Amino acid sequence: MEMYNLESPAYCEAMGLSKVWEAYAKECSREDIMQVGFNANSGYVYIALDNGVTIGSCMGQSVEYIVSGEREEMFFDSYYEAINYEETEEE
């Protein structure tokens, strides 16, 4: 597991980290973690899982589950929705 940009988190980042760790523990604690970090551009702290789902919190707000597709990021309210999402291609 790699830590990224979390040397000295501010209050909001620390609160967000506590929320993403709690969500990880409750929803998917057996999944392998690729990276834990803070994105200064978006304001999200996150846990990126090897299965393609990212658990994120922006500025200490509620947790979102993010799946990155080829064209865009999809945001979900639950881990179940995120893990079961399949990107559909327009023909």
N, C-alpha and C. Protein backbone atom coordinates (compact mmCIF):
# COMPACT_ATOMS: atom_id res chain seq x y z
N MET A 1 0.85 -1.17 0.00
CA MET A 1 0.00 0.00 0.00
C MET A 1 0.89 1.23 0.00
N GLU A 2 0.56 2.15 -0.86
CA GLU A 2 1.30 3.40 -0.98
C GLU A 2 0.50 4.54 -0.35
N MET A 3 1.20 5.43 0.34
CA MET A 3 0.59 6.64 0.90
C MET A 3 1.00 7.80 0.01
N TYR A 4 0.04 8.66 -0.37
CA TYR A 4 0.33 9.76 -1.27
C TYR A 4 -0.17 11.08 -0.70
N ASN A 5 0.72 12.04 -0.55
CA ASN A 5 0.39 13.42 -0.21
C ASN A 5 -0.36 13.54 1.13
N LEU A 6 0.05 12.75 2.11
CA LEU A 6 -0.60 12.79 3.42
C LEU A 6 0.38 13.04 4.56
N GLU A 7 1.44 13.78 4.29
CA GLU A 7 2.46 14.01 5.31
C GLU A 7 1.92 14.76 6.53
N SER A 8 1.10 15.77 6.30
CA SER A 8 0.53 16.54 7.41
C SER A 8 -0.88 17.00 7.03
N PRO A 9 -1.86 16.11 7.14
CA PRO A 9 -3.22 16.46 6.72
C PRO A 9 -3.85 17.53 7.61
N ALA A 10 -4.60 18.42 7.00
CA ALA A 10 -5.36 19.43 7.73
C ALA A 10 -6.60 18.78 8.34
N TYR A 11 -7.36 19.55 9.10
CA TYR A 11 -8.54 19.02 9.80
C TYR A 11 -9.51 18.32 8.85
N CYS A 12 -9.88 18.98 7.75
CA CYS A 12 -10.85 18.38 6.81
C CYS A 12 -10.33 17.08 6.20
N GLU A 13 -9.05 17.05 5.87
CA GLU A 13 -8.47 15.82 5.32
C GLU A 13 -8.47 14.70 6.36
N ALA A 14 -8.15 15.04 7.60
CA ALA A 14 -8.14 14.04 8.68
C ALA A 14 -9.55 13.49 8.92
N MET A 15 -10.56 14.37 8.89
CA MET A 15 -11.94 13.91 9.05
C MET A 15 -12.36 13.02 7.90
N GLY A 16 -11.98 13.40 6.69
CA GLY A 16 -12.28 12.59 5.51
C GLY A 16 -11.60 11.23 5.58
N LEU A 17 -10.35 11.22 6.03
CA LEU A 17 -9.64 9.95 6.18
C LEU A 17 -10.34 9.02 7.15
N SER A 18 -10.82 9.57 8.26
CA SER A 18 -11.52 8.72 9.23
C SER A 18 -12.78 8.13 8.59
N LYS A 19 -13.46 8.90 7.75
CA LYS A 19 -14.68 8.40 7.09
C LYS A 19 -14.38 7.34 6.04
N VAL A 20 -13.32 7.53 5.25
CA VAL A 20 -13.03 6.51 4.23
C VAL A 20 -12.52 5.22 4.87
N TRP A 21 -11.75 5.33 5.96
CA TRP A 21 -11.31 4.12 6.66
C TRP A 21 -12.49 3.38 7.30
N GLU A 22 -13.44 4.13 7.85
CA GLU A 22 -14.62 3.50 8.43
C GLU A 22 -15.43 2.78 7.35
N ALA A 23 -15.60 3.41 6.19
CA ALA A 23 -16.33 2.79 5.09
C ALA A 23 -15.60 1.54 4.61
N TYR A 24 -14.28 1.61 4.51
CA TYR A 24 -13.49 0.44 4.11
C TYR A 24 -13.71 -0.70 5.10
N ALA A 25 -13.64 -0.41 6.37
CA ALA A 25 -13.80 -1.43 7.41
C ALA A 25 -15.18 -2.07 7.36
N LYS A 26 -16.21 -1.27 7.13
CA LYS A 26 -17.58 -1.78 7.12
C LYS A 26 -17.97 -2.48 5.83
N GLU A 27 -17.46 -2.00 4.69
CA GLU A 27 -17.95 -2.47 3.40
C GLU A 27 -17.05 -3.45 2.65
N CYS A 28 -15.75 -3.32 2.80
CA CYS A 28 -14.89 -4.10 1.90
C CYS A 28 -13.50 -4.37 2.48
N SER A 29 -13.44 -4.69 3.76
CA SER A 29 -12.14 -4.81 4.43
C SER A 29 -11.26 -5.94 3.91
N ARG A 30 -11.79 -6.82 3.14
CA ARG A 30 -10.97 -7.90 2.58
C ARG A 30 -10.34 -7.53 1.24
N GLU A 31 -10.72 -6.39 0.68
CA GLU A 31 -10.16 -5.96 -0.61
C GLU A 31 -8.76 -5.39 -0.42
N ASP A 32 -7.90 -5.63 -1.39
CA ASP A 32 -6.53 -5.11 -1.35
C ASP A 32 -6.52 -3.62 -1.66
N ILE A 33 -5.72 -2.89 -0.89
CA ILE A 33 -5.59 -1.45 -1.07
C ILE A 33 -4.37 -1.16 -1.93
N MET A 34 -4.59 -0.37 -2.97
CA MET A 34 -3.51 0.03 -3.86
C MET A 34 -2.83 1.31 -3.34
N GLN A 35 -3.65 2.29 -2.92
CA GLN A 35 -3.09 3.58 -2.49
C GLN A 35 -4.07 4.29 -1.56
N VAL A 36 -3.52 5.01 -0.60
CA VAL A 36 -4.29 5.91 0.26
C VAL A 36 -3.68 7.29 0.05
N GLY A 37 -4.52 8.29 -0.21
CA GLY A 37 -3.92 9.57 -0.51
C GLY A 37 -4.86 10.75 -0.44
N PHE A 38 -4.31 11.90 -0.81
CA PHE A 38 -5.03 13.16 -0.87
C PHE A 38 -4.75 13.80 -2.22
N ASN A 39 -5.81 14.17 -2.93
CA ASN A 39 -5.68 14.86 -4.21
C ASN A 39 -5.93 16.35 -3.96
N ALA A 40 -4.87 17.14 -4.01
CA ALA A 40 -4.97 18.58 -3.74
C ALA A 40 -5.80 19.31 -4.78
N ASN A 41 -5.89 18.77 -5.99
CA ASN A 41 -6.67 19.42 -7.05
C ASN A 41 -8.17 19.28 -6.82
N SER A 42 -8.59 18.11 -6.36
CA SER A 42 -10.03 17.86 -6.17
C SER A 42 -10.48 18.05 -4.73
N GLY A 43 -9.55 17.98 -3.78
CA GLY A 43 -9.90 18.07 -2.37
C GLY A 43 -10.32 16.73 -1.76
N TYR A 44 -10.20 15.65 -2.50
CA TYR A 44 -10.59 14.33 -2.02
C TYR A 44 -9.45 13.61 -1.31
N VAL A 45 -9.76 13.01 -0.16
CA VAL A 45 -8.91 11.97 0.40
C VAL A 45 -9.53 10.66 -0.05
N TYR A 46 -8.72 9.64 -0.23
CA TYR A 46 -9.25 8.43 -0.85
C TYR A 46 -8.48 7.18 -0.45
N ILE A 47 -9.16 6.07 -0.62
CA ILE A 47 -8.54 4.75 -0.59
C ILE A 47 -8.86 4.13 -1.95
N ALA A 48 -7.83 3.89 -2.75
CA ALA A 48 -8.00 3.26 -4.06
C ALA A 48 -7.78 1.76 -3.90
N LEU A 49 -8.79 0.99 -4.28
CA LEU A 49 -8.72 -0.46 -4.15
C LEU A 49 -8.25 -1.10 -5.45
N ASP A 50 -7.64 -2.27 -5.33
CA ASP A 50 -7.17 -2.99 -6.51
C ASP A 50 -8.31 -3.41 -7.43
N ASN A 51 -9.53 -3.50 -6.92
CA ASN A 51 -10.66 -3.94 -7.75
C ASN A 51 -11.25 -2.81 -8.60
N GLY A 52 -10.68 -1.61 -8.53
CA GLY A 52 -11.13 -0.51 -9.38
C GLY A 52 -12.06 0.48 -8.71
N VAL A 53 -12.47 0.22 -7.49
CA VAL A 53 -13.33 1.14 -6.76
C VAL A 53 -12.45 2.02 -5.87
N THR A 54 -12.78 3.29 -5.81
CA THR A 54 -12.10 4.23 -4.91
C THR A 54 -13.12 4.75 -3.91
N ILE A 55 -12.76 4.73 -2.64
CA ILE A 55 -13.60 5.29 -1.59
C ILE A 55 -13.06 6.68 -1.32
N GLY A 56 -13.90 7.71 -1.46
CA GLY A 56 -13.41 9.07 -1.32
C GLY A 56 -14.30 9.94 -0.47
N SER A 57 -13.69 10.99 0.09
CA SER A 57 -14.42 12.00 0.85
C SER A 57 -13.80 13.35 0.51
N CYS A 58 -14.64 14.30 0.13
CA CYS A 58 -14.17 15.63 -0.22
C CYS A 58 -14.41 16.57 0.95
N MET A 59 -13.35 17.14 1.48
CA MET A 59 -13.43 18.12 2.55
C MET A 59 -14.18 17.60 3.78
N GLY A 60 -14.02 16.32 4.09
CA GLY A 60 -14.62 15.73 5.27
C GLY A 60 -16.10 15.41 5.14
N GLN A 61 -16.64 15.50 3.93
CA GLN A 61 -18.06 15.22 3.69
C GLN A 61 -18.31 13.71 3.63
N SER A 62 -19.54 13.34 3.33
CA SER A 62 -19.93 11.93 3.23
C SER A 62 -19.07 11.19 2.22
N VAL A 63 -18.94 9.90 2.44
CA VAL A 63 -18.15 9.05 1.57
C VAL A 63 -18.87 8.81 0.25
N GLU A 64 -18.10 8.78 -0.83
CA GLU A 64 -18.59 8.40 -2.14
C GLU A 64 -17.73 7.26 -2.65
N TYR A 65 -18.33 6.42 -3.47
CA TYR A 65 -17.62 5.31 -4.09
C TYR A 65 -17.48 5.65 -5.56
N ILE A 66 -16.25 5.64 -6.05
CA ILE A 66 -15.95 6.17 -7.38
C ILE A 66 -15.39 5.05 -8.26
N VAL A 67 -15.91 4.97 -9.47
CA VAL A 67 -15.39 4.04 -10.47
C VAL A 67 -14.97 4.88 -11.67
N SER A 68 -13.73 4.73 -12.09
CA SER A 68 -13.22 5.48 -13.24
C SER A 68 -13.41 4.66 -14.50
N GLY A 69 -14.18 5.22 -15.43
CA GLY A 69 -14.38 4.57 -16.72
C GLY A 69 -13.46 5.17 -17.76
N GLU A 70 -13.67 4.76 -18.99
CA GLU A 70 -12.85 5.29 -20.07
C GLU A 70 -13.16 6.76 -20.35
N ARG A 71 -14.43 7.14 -20.15
CA ARG A 71 -14.84 8.50 -20.50
C ARG A 71 -15.06 9.41 -19.31
N GLU A 72 -15.41 8.85 -18.16
CA GLU A 72 -15.71 9.69 -17.01
C GLU A 72 -15.66 8.88 -15.72
N GLU A 73 -15.70 9.60 -14.62
CA GLU A 73 -15.80 8.96 -13.31
C GLU A 73 -17.26 8.86 -12.93
N MET A 74 -17.65 7.73 -12.38
CA MET A 74 -19.02 7.52 -11.91
C MET A 74 -18.98 7.52 -10.39
N PHE A 75 -19.92 8.24 -9.77
CA PHE A 75 -19.99 8.37 -8.32
C PHE A 75 -21.22 7.62 -7.81
N PHE A 76 -21.03 6.83 -6.75
CA PHE A 76 -22.11 6.03 -6.18
C PHE A 76 -22.20 6.27 -4.68
N ASP A 77 -23.40 6.03 -4.15
CA ASP A 77 -23.63 6.20 -2.72
C ASP A 77 -23.28 4.96 -1.91
N SER A 78 -23.14 3.81 -2.59
CA SER A 78 -22.83 2.58 -1.86
C SER A 78 -21.75 1.78 -2.58
N TYR A 79 -21.04 1.00 -1.80
CA TYR A 79 -20.02 0.12 -2.36
C TYR A 79 -20.66 -0.90 -3.29
N TYR A 80 -21.83 -1.41 -2.89
CA TYR A 80 -22.54 -2.40 -3.70
C TYR A 80 -22.82 -1.86 -5.10
N GLU A 81 -23.30 -0.63 -5.20
CA GLU A 81 -23.57 -0.03 -6.51
C GLU A 81 -22.29 0.10 -7.32
N ALA A 82 -21.24 0.53 -6.68
CA ALA A 82 -19.97 0.74 -7.39
C ALA A 82 -19.37 -0.56 -7.90
N ILE A 83 -19.37 -1.58 -7.07
CA ILE A 83 -18.74 -2.85 -7.45
C ILE A 83 -19.55 -3.56 -8.54
N ASN A 84 -20.84 -3.27 -8.61
CA ASN A 84 -21.70 -3.91 -9.61
C ASN A 84 -21.90 -3.08 -10.86
N TYR A 85 -21.27 -1.92 -10.92
CA TYR A 85 -21.38 -1.05 -12.10
C TYR A 85 -20.58 -1.63 -13.25
N GLU A 86 -21.19 -1.65 -14.40
CA GLU A 86 -20.48 -2.03 -15.61
C GLU A 86 -20.68 -0.92 -16.61
N GLU A 87 -19.58 -0.40 -17.11
CA GLU A 87 -19.66 0.68 -18.09
C GLU A 87 -20.25 0.13 -19.38
N THR A 88 -21.22 0.83 -19.94
CA THR A 88 -21.82 0.40 -21.20
C THR A 88 -21.35 1.33 -22.30
N GLU A 89 -21.01 0.77 -23.39
CA GLU A 89 -20.52 1.54 -24.53
C GLU A 89 -21.70 1.89 -25.44
N GLU A 90 -21.73 3.13 -25.92
CA GLU A 90 -22.74 3.52 -26.90
C GLU A 90 -22.29 3.03 -28.26
N GLU A 91 -23.22 2.49 -28.99
CA GLU A 91 -22.87 1.99 -30.33
C GLU A 91 -23.38 2.89 -31.39
